[in-house]
Amino acid sequence: MKVILLENLRKIGNIGDIIEVKRGFARNFLIVNNKALYASKDNIKKVEKIKAELGKKDLEKKRAAKELSEKIHNKLFNVEKQVTENKELYGSIKPTEISKLIFDKEKIEIKPSLIQPMKEIKTLGTHVVKIDLHSEIQAEIKIKVNSFEQTK
């Protein structure tokens, strides 16, 4: 299915590009989230007219993402978790938990879908997590997992 992109999307394309994608991806993600339109003749003309405006919006998003990146890049966030005798966590630390951590400490709201741990966080120690803030801007934070000692 052919669609016209309304946003710059990393590894997919830039504003105004007409690309071929799978039907489900187009319907369930790109079009629903206003990231693309069906590539009809009318829509192609419409996108050509508003391309400059879309570019300005993208620059604004990029600027906001850069500011956010400067606030959180290379910051260390501490988490205390219960561990087994083997020093492994019960479960793992998920992006939703990382998002909540960032909000609690920095008062910055980041969607869990933007958070990508390098590998699953299941052990004690410091782990690097990438955050995709914009198609061209990523930030890295560190999550330090400590053992939660229960006192009786």
N, C-alpha and C. Protein backbone atom coordinates (compact mmCIF):
# COMPACT_ATOMS: atom_id res chain seq x y z
N MET A 1 0.85 -1.17 0.00
CA MET A 1 0.00 0.00 0.00
C MET A 1 0.89 1.24 0.00
N LYS A 2 0.54 2.20 -0.82
CA LYS A 2 1.32 3.44 -0.89
C LYS A 2 0.73 4.50 0.02
N VAL A 3 1.62 5.16 0.76
CA VAL A 3 1.21 6.24 1.65
C VAL A 3 2.17 7.42 1.50
N ILE A 4 1.70 8.59 1.92
CA ILE A 4 2.53 9.81 1.92
C ILE A 4 2.83 10.14 3.36
N LEU A 5 4.10 10.31 3.68
CA LEU A 5 4.48 10.59 5.07
C LEU A 5 4.22 12.05 5.42
N LEU A 6 3.67 12.25 6.63
CA LEU A 6 3.42 13.59 7.15
C LEU A 6 4.45 13.97 8.21
N GLU A 7 5.37 13.05 8.52
CA GLU A 7 6.42 13.27 9.52
C GLU A 7 7.70 12.62 9.04
N ASN A 8 8.83 13.07 9.56
CA ASN A 8 10.09 12.38 9.35
C ASN A 8 10.11 11.19 10.29
N LEU A 9 10.25 10.01 9.73
CA LEU A 9 10.30 8.80 10.55
C LEU A 9 11.61 8.08 10.28
N ARG A 10 12.34 7.81 11.35
CA ARG A 10 13.64 7.16 11.21
C ARG A 10 13.48 5.79 10.59
N LYS A 11 14.33 5.46 9.66
CA LYS A 11 14.37 4.19 8.92
C LYS A 11 13.16 4.00 7.99
N ILE A 12 12.29 4.99 7.89
CA ILE A 12 11.13 4.85 7.01
C ILE A 12 11.15 5.89 5.90
N GLY A 13 11.27 7.18 6.25
CA GLY A 13 11.31 8.22 5.23
C GLY A 13 11.10 9.60 5.81
N ASN A 14 11.03 10.59 4.91
CA ASN A 14 10.88 11.99 5.31
C ASN A 14 9.52 12.54 4.89
N ILE A 15 9.21 13.74 5.35
CA ILE A 15 7.94 14.39 5.03
C ILE A 15 7.75 14.47 3.52
N GLY A 16 6.57 14.08 3.07
CA GLY A 16 6.23 14.17 1.66
C GLY A 16 6.66 12.97 0.83
N ASP A 17 7.44 12.05 1.40
CA ASP A 17 7.86 10.86 0.65
C ASP A 17 6.66 9.95 0.43
N ILE A 18 6.58 9.38 -0.75
CA ILE A 18 5.55 8.38 -1.03
C ILE A 18 6.25 7.03 -0.93
N ILE A 19 5.82 6.23 0.02
CA ILE A 19 6.49 4.96 0.26
C ILE A 19 5.51 3.80 0.18
N GLU A 20 6.04 2.63 -0.02
CA GLU A 20 5.25 1.40 -0.06
C GLU A 20 5.44 0.68 1.27
N VAL A 21 4.34 0.45 1.98
CA VAL A 21 4.39 -0.26 3.26
C VAL A 21 3.30 -1.32 3.29
N LYS A 22 3.41 -2.21 4.25
CA LYS A 22 2.38 -3.24 4.38
C LYS A 22 1.08 -2.59 4.84
N ARG A 23 -0.01 -3.16 4.37
CA ARG A 23 -1.34 -2.61 4.61
C ARG A 23 -1.63 -2.44 6.11
N GLY A 24 -1.31 -3.43 6.92
CA GLY A 24 -1.57 -3.36 8.36
C GLY A 24 -0.78 -2.26 9.05
N PHE A 25 0.48 -2.10 8.66
CA PHE A 25 1.33 -1.05 9.23
C PHE A 25 0.75 0.32 8.89
N ALA A 26 0.30 0.47 7.64
CA ALA A 26 -0.28 1.75 7.21
C ALA A 26 -1.56 2.05 8.00
N ARG A 27 -2.47 1.10 8.04
CA ARG A 27 -3.76 1.32 8.68
C ARG A 27 -3.67 1.42 10.20
N ASN A 28 -2.90 0.53 10.81
CA ASN A 28 -2.89 0.43 12.27
C ASN A 28 -1.91 1.37 12.96
N PHE A 29 -0.93 1.89 12.23
CA PHE A 29 0.05 2.76 12.89
C PHE A 29 0.16 4.12 12.20
N LEU A 30 0.57 4.13 10.94
CA LEU A 30 0.86 5.40 10.27
C LEU A 30 -0.36 6.31 10.15
N ILE A 31 -1.46 5.79 9.64
CA ILE A 31 -2.64 6.63 9.39
C ILE A 31 -3.36 6.96 10.70
N VAL A 32 -3.48 6.00 11.59
CA VAL A 32 -4.15 6.22 12.88
C VAL A 32 -3.44 7.31 13.69
N ASN A 33 -2.11 7.32 13.66
CA ASN A 33 -1.33 8.29 14.43
C ASN A 33 -1.01 9.57 13.64
N ASN A 34 -1.69 9.79 12.54
CA ASN A 34 -1.50 10.97 11.69
C ASN A 34 -0.06 11.16 11.25
N LYS A 35 0.60 10.06 10.95
CA LYS A 35 1.97 10.11 10.45
C LYS A 35 2.00 9.96 8.93
N ALA A 36 0.86 9.56 8.35
CA ALA A 36 0.79 9.37 6.90
C ALA A 36 -0.65 9.45 6.41
N LEU A 37 -0.79 9.62 5.09
CA LEU A 37 -2.09 9.61 4.41
C LEU A 37 -2.02 8.61 3.27
N TYR A 38 -3.18 8.08 2.87
CA TYR A 38 -3.21 7.23 1.68
C TYR A 38 -2.68 8.04 0.49
N ALA A 39 -1.97 7.42 -0.41
CA ALA A 39 -1.36 8.14 -1.53
C ALA A 39 -2.33 8.27 -2.70
N SER A 40 -3.42 9.01 -2.49
CA SER A 40 -4.35 9.30 -3.59
C SER A 40 -3.89 10.59 -4.27
N LYS A 41 -4.41 10.86 -5.46
CA LYS A 41 -4.00 12.08 -6.19
C LYS A 41 -4.33 13.33 -5.39
N ASP A 42 -5.50 13.35 -4.76
CA ASP A 42 -5.91 14.51 -3.95
C ASP A 42 -4.97 14.71 -2.77
N ASN A 43 -4.65 13.62 -2.08
CA ASN A 43 -3.76 13.73 -0.92
C ASN A 43 -2.34 14.15 -1.32
N ILE A 44 -1.87 13.70 -2.47
CA ILE A 44 -0.53 14.09 -2.94
C ILE A 44 -0.49 15.60 -3.17
N LYS A 45 -1.55 16.14 -3.80
CA LYS A 45 -1.62 17.60 -4.03
C LYS A 45 -1.69 18.35 -2.70
N LYS A 46 -2.50 17.83 -1.77
CA LYS A 46 -2.67 18.48 -0.47
C LYS A 46 -1.33 18.52 0.29
N VAL A 47 -0.59 17.43 0.28
CA VAL A 47 0.68 17.36 1.00
C VAL A 47 1.71 18.30 0.37
N GLU A 48 1.71 18.41 -0.95
CA GLU A 48 2.63 19.35 -1.62
C GLU A 48 2.38 20.78 -1.14
N LYS A 49 1.10 21.12 -0.96
CA LYS A 49 0.76 22.47 -0.51
C LYS A 49 1.17 22.73 0.93
N ILE A 50 1.03 21.73 1.79
CA ILE A 50 1.31 21.96 3.21
C ILE A 50 2.68 21.44 3.64
N LYS A 51 3.52 21.08 2.69
CA LYS A 51 4.83 20.51 3.02
C LYS A 51 5.69 21.47 3.84
N ALA A 52 5.67 22.74 3.51
CA ALA A 52 6.47 23.73 4.25
C ALA A 52 5.98 23.83 5.69
N GLU A 53 4.66 23.82 5.86
CA GLU A 53 4.08 23.89 7.20
C GLU A 53 4.46 22.65 8.03
N LEU A 54 4.41 21.49 7.38
CA LEU A 54 4.80 20.25 8.07
C LEU A 54 6.27 20.29 8.46
N GLY A 55 7.09 20.88 7.59
CA GLY A 55 8.52 21.03 7.88
C GLY A 55 8.75 21.90 9.11
N LYS A 56 7.96 22.99 9.24
CA LYS A 56 8.08 23.87 10.40
C LYS A 56 7.68 23.13 11.68
N LYS A 57 6.59 22.35 11.60
CA LYS A 57 6.15 21.57 12.75
C LYS A 57 7.22 20.57 13.16
N ASP A 58 7.85 19.94 12.16
CA ASP A 58 8.89 18.96 12.45
C ASP A 58 10.09 19.63 13.11
N LEU A 59 10.45 20.84 12.65
CA LEU A 59 11.55 21.57 13.26
C LEU A 59 11.24 21.90 14.72
N GLU A 60 9.98 22.27 14.98
CA GLU A 60 9.56 22.57 16.34
C GLU A 60 9.66 21.33 17.24
N LYS A 61 9.21 20.17 16.71
CA LYS A 61 9.31 18.92 17.46
C LYS A 61 10.77 18.57 17.71
N LYS A 62 11.60 18.82 16.70
CA LYS A 62 13.04 18.52 16.82
C LYS A 62 13.68 19.39 17.89
N ARG A 63 13.31 20.67 17.93
CA ARG A 63 13.85 21.59 18.92
C ARG A 63 13.44 21.16 20.34
N ALA A 64 12.16 20.80 20.49
CA ALA A 64 11.67 20.34 21.79
C ALA A 64 12.37 19.05 22.22
N ALA A 65 12.60 18.16 21.26
CA ALA A 65 13.29 16.90 21.56
C ALA A 65 14.73 17.16 21.96
N LYS A 66 15.37 18.15 21.33
CA LYS A 66 16.76 18.49 21.66
C LYS A 66 16.85 19.03 23.09
N GLU A 67 15.91 19.89 23.47
CA GLU A 67 15.87 20.42 24.84
C GLU A 67 15.68 19.30 25.86
N LEU A 68 14.78 18.39 25.54
CA LEU A 68 14.51 17.25 26.41
C LEU A 68 15.75 16.37 26.54
N SER A 69 16.42 16.16 25.42
CA SER A 69 17.63 15.35 25.39
C SER A 69 18.71 15.95 26.28
N GLU A 70 18.86 17.27 26.23
CA GLU A 70 19.87 17.94 27.05
C GLU A 70 19.57 17.80 28.54
N LYS A 71 18.27 17.73 28.89
CA LYS A 71 17.89 17.61 30.29
C LYS A 71 18.17 16.22 30.86
N ILE A 72 18.00 15.18 30.03
CA ILE A 72 18.09 13.82 30.58
C ILE A 72 19.30 13.02 30.11
N HIS A 73 20.02 13.48 29.09
CA HIS A 73 21.12 12.69 28.52
C HIS A 73 22.18 12.39 29.58
N ASN A 74 22.58 11.14 29.66
CA ASN A 74 23.62 10.63 30.58
C ASN A 74 23.26 10.76 32.06
N LYS A 75 21.99 10.97 32.38
CA LYS A 75 21.58 11.02 33.79
C LYS A 75 21.50 9.59 34.33
N LEU A 76 21.70 9.48 35.62
CA LEU A 76 21.64 8.19 36.29
C LEU A 76 20.37 8.13 37.14
N PHE A 77 19.61 7.06 36.97
CA PHE A 77 18.39 6.85 37.73
C PHE A 77 18.56 5.57 38.56
N ASN A 78 18.31 5.66 39.85
CA ASN A 78 18.46 4.51 40.73
C ASN A 78 17.14 3.81 40.96
N VAL A 79 17.20 2.46 40.99
CA VAL A 79 16.03 1.64 41.23
C VAL A 79 16.42 0.60 42.27
N GLU A 80 15.54 0.36 43.21
CA GLU A 80 15.78 -0.71 44.18
C GLU A 80 14.77 -1.81 43.93
N LYS A 81 15.28 -3.03 43.78
CA LYS A 81 14.43 -4.19 43.47
C LYS A 81 14.80 -5.35 44.37
N GLN A 82 13.84 -6.22 44.60
CA GLN A 82 14.14 -7.45 45.32
C GLN A 82 14.88 -8.39 44.38
N VAL A 83 15.87 -9.10 44.93
CA VAL A 83 16.66 -10.00 44.11
C VAL A 83 16.68 -11.41 44.71
N THR A 84 16.99 -12.38 43.85
CA THR A 84 17.13 -13.77 44.29
C THR A 84 18.51 -13.95 44.91
N GLU A 85 18.78 -15.16 45.38
CA GLU A 85 20.10 -15.45 45.93
C GLU A 85 21.19 -15.31 44.87
N ASN A 86 20.84 -15.48 43.60
CA ASN A 86 21.79 -15.39 42.49
C ASN A 86 21.99 -13.95 42.02
N LYS A 87 21.47 -13.00 42.75
CA LYS A 87 21.56 -11.57 42.42
C LYS A 87 20.84 -11.24 41.11
N GLU A 88 19.77 -11.97 40.80
CA GLU A 88 18.94 -11.66 39.64
C GLU A 88 17.61 -11.11 40.14
N LEU A 89 17.02 -10.24 39.32
CA LEU A 89 15.76 -9.61 39.72
C LEU A 89 14.59 -10.58 39.57
N TYR A 90 13.58 -10.37 40.38
CA TYR A 90 12.31 -11.06 40.17
C TYR A 90 11.62 -10.29 39.04
N GLY A 91 11.60 -10.84 37.86
CA GLY A 91 11.06 -10.13 36.70
C GLY A 91 12.13 -9.25 36.08
N SER A 92 11.72 -8.21 35.39
CA SER A 92 12.67 -7.28 34.78
C SER A 92 12.11 -5.87 34.86
N ILE A 93 12.95 -4.91 34.53
CA ILE A 93 12.52 -3.51 34.55
C ILE A 93 12.04 -3.16 33.14
N LYS A 94 10.79 -2.78 33.04
CA LYS A 94 10.14 -2.51 31.75
C LYS A 94 10.16 -1.01 31.42
N PRO A 95 9.95 -0.65 30.14
CA PRO A 95 9.90 0.76 29.75
C PRO A 95 8.88 1.60 30.52
N THR A 96 7.74 1.01 30.89
CA THR A 96 6.74 1.78 31.66
C THR A 96 7.29 2.19 33.02
N GLU A 97 8.06 1.30 33.63
CA GLU A 97 8.65 1.60 34.93
C GLU A 97 9.74 2.68 34.78
N ILE A 98 10.51 2.59 33.69
CA ILE A 98 11.55 3.60 33.43
C ILE A 98 10.91 4.96 33.19
N SER A 99 9.81 4.98 32.43
CA SER A 99 9.08 6.22 32.16
C SER A 99 8.60 6.85 33.47
N LYS A 100 8.08 6.04 34.38
CA LYS A 100 7.61 6.52 35.67
C LYS A 100 8.78 7.06 36.51
N LEU A 101 9.92 6.38 36.45
CA LEU A 101 11.13 6.82 37.16
C LEU A 101 11.55 8.21 36.71
N ILE A 102 11.58 8.41 35.40
CA ILE A 102 11.99 9.70 34.83
C ILE A 102 11.00 10.79 35.26
N PHE A 103 9.71 10.46 35.22
CA PHE A 103 8.70 11.44 35.61
C PHE A 103 8.82 11.81 37.08
N ASP A 104 9.03 10.79 37.95
CA ASP A 104 9.14 11.04 39.38
C ASP A 104 10.36 11.90 39.72
N LYS A 105 11.48 11.66 39.05
CA LYS A 105 12.72 12.37 39.38
C LYS A 105 12.84 13.71 38.67
N GLU A 106 12.51 13.75 37.37
CA GLU A 106 12.75 14.95 36.56
C GLU A 106 11.48 15.71 36.18
N LYS A 107 10.30 15.15 36.46
CA LYS A 107 9.01 15.74 36.06
C LYS A 107 8.93 15.92 34.54
N ILE A 108 9.51 14.94 33.82
CA ILE A 108 9.47 14.93 32.35
C ILE A 108 8.71 13.68 31.93
N GLU A 109 7.68 13.89 31.11
CA GLU A 109 6.87 12.76 30.68
C GLU A 109 7.39 12.21 29.36
N ILE A 110 7.76 10.94 29.36
CA ILE A 110 8.25 10.27 28.15
C ILE A 110 7.42 9.01 27.96
N LYS A 111 6.91 8.82 26.75
CA LYS A 111 6.09 7.65 26.46
C LYS A 111 6.96 6.39 26.54
N PRO A 112 6.43 5.33 27.16
CA PRO A 112 7.19 4.08 27.25
C PRO A 112 7.58 3.52 25.88
N SER A 113 6.81 3.80 24.85
CA SER A 113 7.13 3.28 23.52
C SER A 113 8.42 3.88 22.95
N LEU A 114 8.87 5.02 23.48
CA LEU A 114 10.10 5.65 23.01
C LEU A 114 11.33 5.09 23.71
N ILE A 115 11.13 4.36 24.79
CA ILE A 115 12.23 3.85 25.61
C ILE A 115 12.65 2.47 25.12
N GLN A 116 13.96 2.33 24.85
CA GLN A 116 14.47 1.07 24.33
C GLN A 116 15.71 0.63 25.10
N PRO A 117 15.54 -0.29 26.06
CA PRO A 117 16.72 -0.80 26.76
C PRO A 117 17.62 -1.55 25.78
N MET A 118 18.95 -1.43 25.94
CA MET A 118 19.90 -2.13 25.07
C MET A 118 19.68 -3.64 25.15
N LYS A 119 19.50 -4.12 26.38
CA LYS A 119 19.13 -5.52 26.60
C LYS A 119 18.21 -5.53 27.81
N GLU A 120 17.50 -6.62 27.99
CA GLU A 120 16.54 -6.70 29.09
C GLU A 120 17.24 -6.48 30.42
N ILE A 121 16.64 -5.67 31.28
CA ILE A 121 17.25 -5.36 32.58
C ILE A 121 16.74 -6.37 33.61
N LYS A 122 17.59 -7.38 33.90
CA LYS A 122 17.21 -8.45 34.82
C LYS A 122 18.24 -8.66 35.92
N THR A 123 19.33 -7.86 35.92
CA THR A 123 20.39 -8.08 36.90
C THR A 123 20.73 -6.77 37.61
N LEU A 124 21.46 -6.89 38.70
CA LEU A 124 21.94 -5.71 39.41
C LEU A 124 23.01 -5.03 38.57
N GLY A 125 23.25 -3.74 38.84
CA GLY A 125 24.30 -3.02 38.13
C GLY A 125 23.73 -1.86 37.34
N THR A 126 24.58 -1.27 36.51
CA THR A 126 24.18 -0.12 35.70
C THR A 126 23.91 -0.56 34.27
N HIS A 127 22.77 -0.12 33.74
CA HIS A 127 22.35 -0.50 32.40
C HIS A 127 22.08 0.77 31.58
N VAL A 128 22.47 0.74 30.29
CA VAL A 128 22.24 1.88 29.40
C VAL A 128 20.91 1.69 28.68
N VAL A 129 20.12 2.77 28.62
CA VAL A 129 18.82 2.74 27.97
C VAL A 129 18.76 3.89 26.97
N LYS A 130 18.35 3.59 25.72
CA LYS A 130 18.20 4.62 24.69
C LYS A 130 16.76 5.11 24.67
N ILE A 131 16.61 6.41 24.42
CA ILE A 131 15.29 7.00 24.30
C ILE A 131 15.23 7.74 22.96
N ASP A 132 14.31 7.34 22.09
CA ASP A 132 14.12 7.98 20.80
C ASP A 132 13.16 9.15 20.97
N LEU A 133 13.70 10.37 21.00
CA LEU A 133 12.87 11.55 21.21
C LEU A 133 12.36 12.13 19.90
N HIS A 134 13.08 11.88 18.81
CA HIS A 134 12.76 12.39 17.48
C HIS A 134 13.45 11.47 16.50
N SER A 135 13.08 11.55 15.23
CA SER A 135 13.71 10.67 14.25
C SER A 135 15.22 10.91 14.15
N GLU A 136 15.69 12.09 14.54
CA GLU A 136 17.11 12.41 14.45
C GLU A 136 17.78 12.59 15.82
N ILE A 137 17.00 12.54 16.90
CA ILE A 137 17.56 12.82 18.23
C ILE A 137 17.26 11.68 19.20
N GLN A 138 18.34 11.14 19.76
CA GLN A 138 18.20 10.10 20.78
C GLN A 138 18.96 10.56 22.02
N ALA A 139 18.51 10.08 23.16
CA ALA A 139 19.20 10.35 24.42
C ALA A 139 19.51 9.00 25.06
N GLU A 140 20.56 8.98 25.87
CA GLU A 140 20.89 7.78 26.62
C GLU A 140 20.85 8.11 28.10
N ILE A 141 20.23 7.22 28.86
CA ILE A 141 20.25 7.37 30.31
C ILE A 141 20.80 6.08 30.90
N LYS A 142 21.16 6.15 32.16
CA LYS A 142 21.66 4.96 32.84
C LYS A 142 20.70 4.62 33.97
N ILE A 143 20.40 3.33 34.08
CA ILE A 143 19.55 2.83 35.15
C ILE A 143 20.44 1.99 36.05
N LYS A 144 20.58 2.41 37.31
CA LYS A 144 21.38 1.63 38.27
C LYS A 144 20.43 0.84 39.14
N VAL A 145 20.55 -0.48 39.08
CA VAL A 145 19.68 -1.37 39.83
C VAL A 145 20.41 -1.82 41.09
N ASN A 146 19.82 -1.51 42.23
CA ASN A 146 20.39 -1.90 43.52
C ASN A 146 19.47 -2.93 44.18
N SER A 147 20.04 -3.67 45.10
CA SER A 147 19.28 -4.67 45.84
C SER A 147 18.42 -3.97 46.90
N PHE A 148 17.17 -4.38 46.99
CA PHE A 148 16.26 -3.83 47.99
C PHE A 148 16.34 -4.71 49.22
N GLU A 149 16.90 -4.16 50.28
CA GLU A 149 17.09 -4.94 51.51
C GLU A 149 15.84 -4.79 52.37
N GLN A 150 15.23 -5.91 52.72
CA GLN A 150 14.07 -5.89 53.61
C GLN A 150 14.55 -5.97 55.06
N THR A 151 14.08 -5.04 55.86
CA THR A 151 14.44 -5.06 57.27
C THR A 151 13.26 -5.60 58.07
N LYS A 152 13.56 -6.51 58.97
CA LYS A 152 12.49 -7.12 59.77
C LYS A 152 12.65 -6.75 61.23
